[in-house]
Every structure is written in structure tokens, then in C-alpha cells.
Amino acid sequence: MQQAARVSQHTAYFHMGKLVEMGKTEDIFTRPSHKLTENYITGRFG
């Protein structure tokens, strides 16, 4: 994930084939809008 955060401008997070959140990489990694995204990024899920 560090590589993705470093090289991408936009990021999308999918869970079980459904789009959960999409936006600027900086926003997704620092201020995720959805709890599923936050849990995945922080390592609490997945």
C-alpha cells in the first residue's frame, strides 16, 4: 500500500466486488470517508 500511496494520484477501494470509495489518493489514505476503507488501510481488516 505504501507503493500505491506514493505513485498514484487516485485510488479506489473495492470490497467483495463493490466500489466502496474512490478519490484522490491523499484523501483516501489520510481521511477515508467509509469505515471499511479506514479498517483496510489501518490493517484492522484484510
PDB file of N, CA and C in Angstrom:
ATOM      1  N   MET A   1       0.809  -1.180   0.000  1.00  0.00           N
ATOM      2  CA  MET A   1       0.000   0.000   0.000  1.00  0.00           C
ATOM      3  C   MET A   1       0.857   1.250   0.000  1.00  0.00           C
ATOM      4  N   GLN A   2       2.021   1.180   0.585  1.00  0.00           N
ATOM      5  CA  GLN A   2       2.898   2.353   0.576  1.00  0.00           C
ATOM      6  C   GLN A   2       3.259   2.737  -0.850  1.00  0.00           C
ATOM      7  N   GLN A   3       3.512   1.748  -1.678  1.00  0.00           N
ATOM      8  CA  GLN A   3       3.836   1.998  -3.088  1.00  0.00           C
ATOM      9  C   GLN A   3       2.645   2.662  -3.774  1.00  0.00           C
ATOM     10  N   ALA A   4       1.456   2.162  -3.556  1.00  0.00           N
ATOM     11  CA  ALA A   4       0.255   2.743  -4.164  1.00  0.00           C
ATOM     12  C   ALA A   4       0.071   4.193  -3.724  1.00  0.00           C
ATOM     13  N   ALA A   5       0.276   4.442  -2.461  1.00  0.00           N
ATOM     14  CA  ALA A   5       0.126   5.810  -1.944  1.00  0.00           C
ATOM     15  C   ALA A   5       1.176   6.737  -2.535  1.00  0.00           C
ATOM     16  N   ARG A   6       2.330   6.209  -2.828  1.00  0.00           N
ATOM     17  CA  ARG A   6       3.430   7.032  -3.329  1.00  0.00           C
ATOM     18  C   ARG A   6       3.300   7.334  -4.823  1.00  0.00           C
ATOM     19  N   VAL A   7       2.797   6.415  -5.616  1.00  0.00           N
ATOM     20  CA  VAL A   7       2.843   6.588  -7.070  1.00  0.00           C
ATOM     21  C   VAL A   7       1.498   6.918  -7.726  1.00  0.00           C
ATOM     22  N   SER A   8       0.400   6.805  -7.011  1.00  0.00           N
ATOM     23  CA  SER A   8      -0.895   7.039  -7.658  1.00  0.00           C
ATOM     24  C   SER A   8      -1.487   8.391  -7.267  1.00  0.00           C
ATOM     25  N   GLN A   9      -2.271   8.923  -8.181  1.00  0.00           N
ATOM     26  CA  GLN A   9      -2.972  10.181  -7.920  1.00  0.00           C
ATOM     27  C   GLN A   9      -4.392   9.933  -7.428  1.00  0.00           C
ATOM     28  N   HIS A  10      -4.986   8.835  -7.881  1.00  0.00           N
ATOM     29  CA  HIS A  10      -6.335   8.469  -7.478  1.00  0.00           C
ATOM     30  C   HIS A  10      -6.357   7.007  -7.045  1.00  0.00           C
ATOM     31  N   THR A  11      -7.224   6.707  -6.082  1.00  0.00           N
ATOM     32  CA  THR A  11      -7.317   5.363  -5.533  1.00  0.00           C
ATOM     33  C   THR A  11      -8.785   4.973  -5.411  1.00  0.00           C
ATOM     34  N   ALA A  12      -9.054   3.699  -5.643  1.00  0.00           N
ATOM     35  CA  ALA A  12     -10.397   3.165  -5.434  1.00  0.00           C
ATOM     36  C   ALA A  12     -10.277   1.963  -4.504  1.00  0.00           C
ATOM     37  N   TYR A  13     -11.227   1.828  -3.615  1.00  0.00           N
ATOM     38  CA  TYR A  13     -11.265   0.676  -2.713  1.00  0.00           C
ATOM     39  C   TYR A  13     -12.537  -0.112  -3.000  1.00  0.00           C
ATOM     40  N   PHE A  14     -12.350  -1.388  -3.301  1.00  0.00           N
ATOM     41  CA  PHE A  14     -13.457  -2.294  -3.570  1.00  0.00           C
ATOM     42  C   PHE A  14     -13.520  -3.333  -2.458  1.00  0.00           C
ATOM     43  N   HIS A  15     -14.721  -3.722  -2.089  1.00  0.00           N
ATOM     44  CA  HIS A  15     -14.913  -4.780  -1.106  1.00  0.00           C
ATOM     45  C   HIS A  15     -15.956  -5.737  -1.661  1.00  0.00           C
ATOM     46  N   MET A  16     -15.560  -6.991  -1.836  1.00  0.00           N
ATOM     47  CA  MET A  16     -16.442  -8.035  -2.361  1.00  0.00           C
ATOM     48  C   MET A  16     -17.067  -7.628  -3.697  1.00  0.00           C
ATOM     49  N   GLY A  17     -16.243  -7.015  -4.541  1.00  0.00           N
ATOM     50  CA  GLY A  17     -16.669  -6.655  -5.880  1.00  0.00           C
ATOM     51  C   GLY A  17     -17.465  -5.363  -5.992  1.00  0.00           C
ATOM     52  N   LYS A  18     -17.672  -4.673  -4.903  1.00  0.00           N
ATOM     53  CA  LYS A  18     -18.431  -3.422  -4.912  1.00  0.00           C
ATOM     54  C   LYS A  18     -17.514  -2.252  -4.583  1.00  0.00           C
ATOM     55  N   LEU A  19     -17.691  -1.172  -5.323  1.00  0.00           N
ATOM     56  CA  LEU A  19     -16.910   0.037  -5.074  1.00  0.00           C
ATOM     57  C   LEU A  19     -17.366   0.659  -3.762  1.00  0.00           C
ATOM     58  N   VAL A  20     -16.432   0.822  -2.835  1.00  0.00           N
ATOM     59  CA  VAL A  20     -16.738   1.410  -1.539  1.00  0.00           C
ATOM     60  C   VAL A  20     -16.402   2.890  -1.555  1.00  0.00           C
ATOM     61  N   GLU A  21     -15.217   3.218  -2.083  1.00  0.00           N
ATOM     62  CA  GLU A  21     -14.757   4.607  -2.042  1.00  0.00           C
ATOM     63  C   GLU A  21     -13.755   4.843  -3.154  1.00  0.00           C
ATOM     64  N   MET A  22     -13.800   6.035  -3.717  1.00  0.00           N
ATOM     65  CA  MET A  22     -12.882   6.413  -4.783  1.00  0.00           C
ATOM     66  C   MET A  22     -12.587   7.902  -4.640  1.00  0.00           C
ATOM     67  N   GLY A  23     -11.335   8.277  -4.870  1.00  0.00           N
ATOM     68  CA  GLY A  23     -10.979   9.681  -4.781  1.00  0.00           C
ATOM     69  C   GLY A  23      -9.490   9.883  -4.880  1.00  0.00           C
ATOM     70  N   LYS A  24      -9.056  11.083  -4.520  1.00  0.00           N
ATOM     71  CA  LYS A  24      -7.633  11.383  -4.522  1.00  0.00           C
ATOM     72  C   LYS A  24      -6.943  10.490  -3.498  1.00  0.00           C
ATOM     73  N   THR A  25      -5.790   9.974  -3.882  1.00  0.00           N
ATOM     74  CA  THR A  25      -5.058   9.045  -3.022  1.00  0.00           C
ATOM     75  C   THR A  25      -4.787   9.653  -1.654  1.00  0.00           C
ATOM     76  N   GLU A  26      -4.369  10.892  -1.625  1.00  0.00           N
ATOM     77  CA  GLU A  26      -4.070  11.546  -0.341  1.00  0.00           C
ATOM     78  C   GLU A  26      -5.298  11.536   0.573  1.00  0.00           C
ATOM     79  N   ASP A  27      -6.464  11.832   0.019  1.00  0.00           N
ATOM     80  CA  ASP A  27      -7.690  11.840   0.822  1.00  0.00           C
ATOM     81  C   ASP A  27      -8.055  10.441   1.303  1.00  0.00           C
ATOM     82  N   ILE A  28      -7.946   9.466   0.424  1.00  0.00           N
ATOM     83  CA  ILE A  28      -8.292   8.086   0.798  1.00  0.00           C
ATOM     84  C   ILE A  28      -7.395   7.589   1.930  1.00  0.00           C
ATOM     85  N   PHE A  29      -6.104   7.891   1.851  1.00  0.00           N
ATOM     86  CA  PHE A  29      -5.154   7.383   2.851  1.00  0.00           C
ATOM     87  C   PHE A  29      -5.119   8.212   4.131  1.00  0.00           C
ATOM     88  N   THR A  30      -5.551   9.466   4.087  1.00  0.00           N
ATOM     89  CA  THR A  30      -5.483  10.293   5.294  1.00  0.00           C
ATOM     90  C   THR A  30      -6.847  10.577   5.909  1.00  0.00           C
ATOM     91  N   ARG A  31      -7.889  10.625   5.087  1.00  0.00           N
ATOM     92  CA  ARG A  31      -9.229  10.920   5.585  1.00  0.00           C
ATOM     93  C   ARG A  31     -10.269  10.069   4.856  1.00  0.00           C
ATOM     94  N   PRO A  32     -10.233   8.757   5.025  1.00  0.00           N
ATOM     95  CA  PRO A  32     -11.220   7.923   4.331  1.00  0.00           C
ATOM     96  C   PRO A  32     -12.635   8.245   4.810  1.00  0.00           C
ATOM     97  N   SER A  33     -13.577   8.201   3.879  1.00  0.00           N
ATOM     98  CA  SER A  33     -14.972   8.527   4.201  1.00  0.00           C
ATOM     99  C   SER A  33     -15.739   7.344   4.768  1.00  0.00           C
ATOM    100  N   HIS A  34     -15.286   6.144   4.478  1.00  0.00           N
ATOM    101  CA  HIS A  34     -16.015   4.945   4.884  1.00  0.00           C
ATOM    102  C   HIS A  34     -15.201   4.117   5.865  1.00  0.00           C
ATOM    103  N   LYS A  35     -15.878   3.536   6.814  1.00  0.00           N
ATOM    104  CA  LYS A  35     -15.229   2.727   7.850  1.00  0.00           C
ATOM    105  C   LYS A  35     -14.510   1.509   7.253  1.00  0.00           C
ATOM    106  N   LEU A  36     -15.091   0.887   6.226  1.00  0.00           N
ATOM    107  CA  LEU A  36     -14.427  -0.260   5.587  1.00  0.00           C
ATOM    108  C   LEU A  36     -13.067   0.139   5.027  1.00  0.00           C
ATOM    109  N   THR A  37     -13.005   1.284   4.374  1.00  0.00           N
ATOM    110  CA  THR A  37     -11.743   1.774   3.815  1.00  0.00           C
ATOM    111  C   THR A  37     -10.743   2.042   4.934  1.00  0.00           C
ATOM    112  N   GLU A  38     -11.181   2.706   5.971  1.00  0.00           N
ATOM    113  CA  GLU A  38     -10.305   3.015   7.105  1.00  0.00           C
ATOM    114  C   GLU A  38      -9.762   1.742   7.737  1.00  0.00           C
ATOM    115  N   ASN A  39     -10.625   0.763   7.928  1.00  0.00           N
ATOM    116  CA  ASN A  39     -10.188  -0.511   8.528  1.00  0.00           C
ATOM    117  C   ASN A  39      -9.153  -1.207   7.661  1.00  0.00           C
ATOM    118  N   TYR A  40      -9.333  -1.183   6.362  1.00  0.00           N
ATOM    119  CA  TYR A  40      -8.373  -1.829   5.460  1.00  0.00           C
ATOM    120  C   TYR A  40      -7.026  -1.107   5.472  1.00  0.00           C
ATOM    121  N   ILE A  41      -7.057   0.191   5.362  1.00  0.00           N
ATOM    122  CA  ILE A  41      -5.826   0.989   5.315  1.00  0.00           C
ATOM    123  C   ILE A  41      -5.041   0.869   6.611  1.00  0.00           C
ATOM    124  N   THR A  42      -5.723   0.819   7.737  1.00  0.00           N
ATOM    125  CA  THR A  42      -5.033   0.747   9.022  1.00  0.00           C
ATOM    126  C   THR A  42      -4.672  -0.678   9.429  1.00  0.00           C
ATOM    127  N   GLY A  43      -5.057  -1.662   8.610  1.00  0.00           N
ATOM    128  CA  GLY A  43      -4.684  -3.041   8.894  1.00  0.00           C
ATOM    129  C   GLY A  43      -5.623  -3.779   9.814  1.00  0.00           C
ATOM    130  N   ARG A  44      -6.774  -3.193  10.132  1.00  0.00           N
ATOM    131  CA  ARG A  44      -7.727  -3.858  11.007  1.00  0.00           C
ATOM    132  C   ARG A  44      -8.582  -4.867  10.259  1.00  0.00           C
ATOM    133  N   PHE A  45      -8.489  -4.836   8.930  1.00  0.00           N
ATOM    134  CA  PHE A  45      -9.276  -5.747   8.092  1.00  0.00           C
ATOM    135  C   PHE A  45      -8.434  -6.112   6.897  1.00  0.00           C
ATOM    136  N   GLY A  46      -8.446  -7.378   6.527  1.00  0.00           N
ATOM    137  CA  GLY A  46      -7.754  -7.788   5.321  1.00  0.00           C
ATOM    138  C   GLY A  46      -6.424  -8.255   5.564  1.00  0.00           C
TER     139      GLY A  46
END
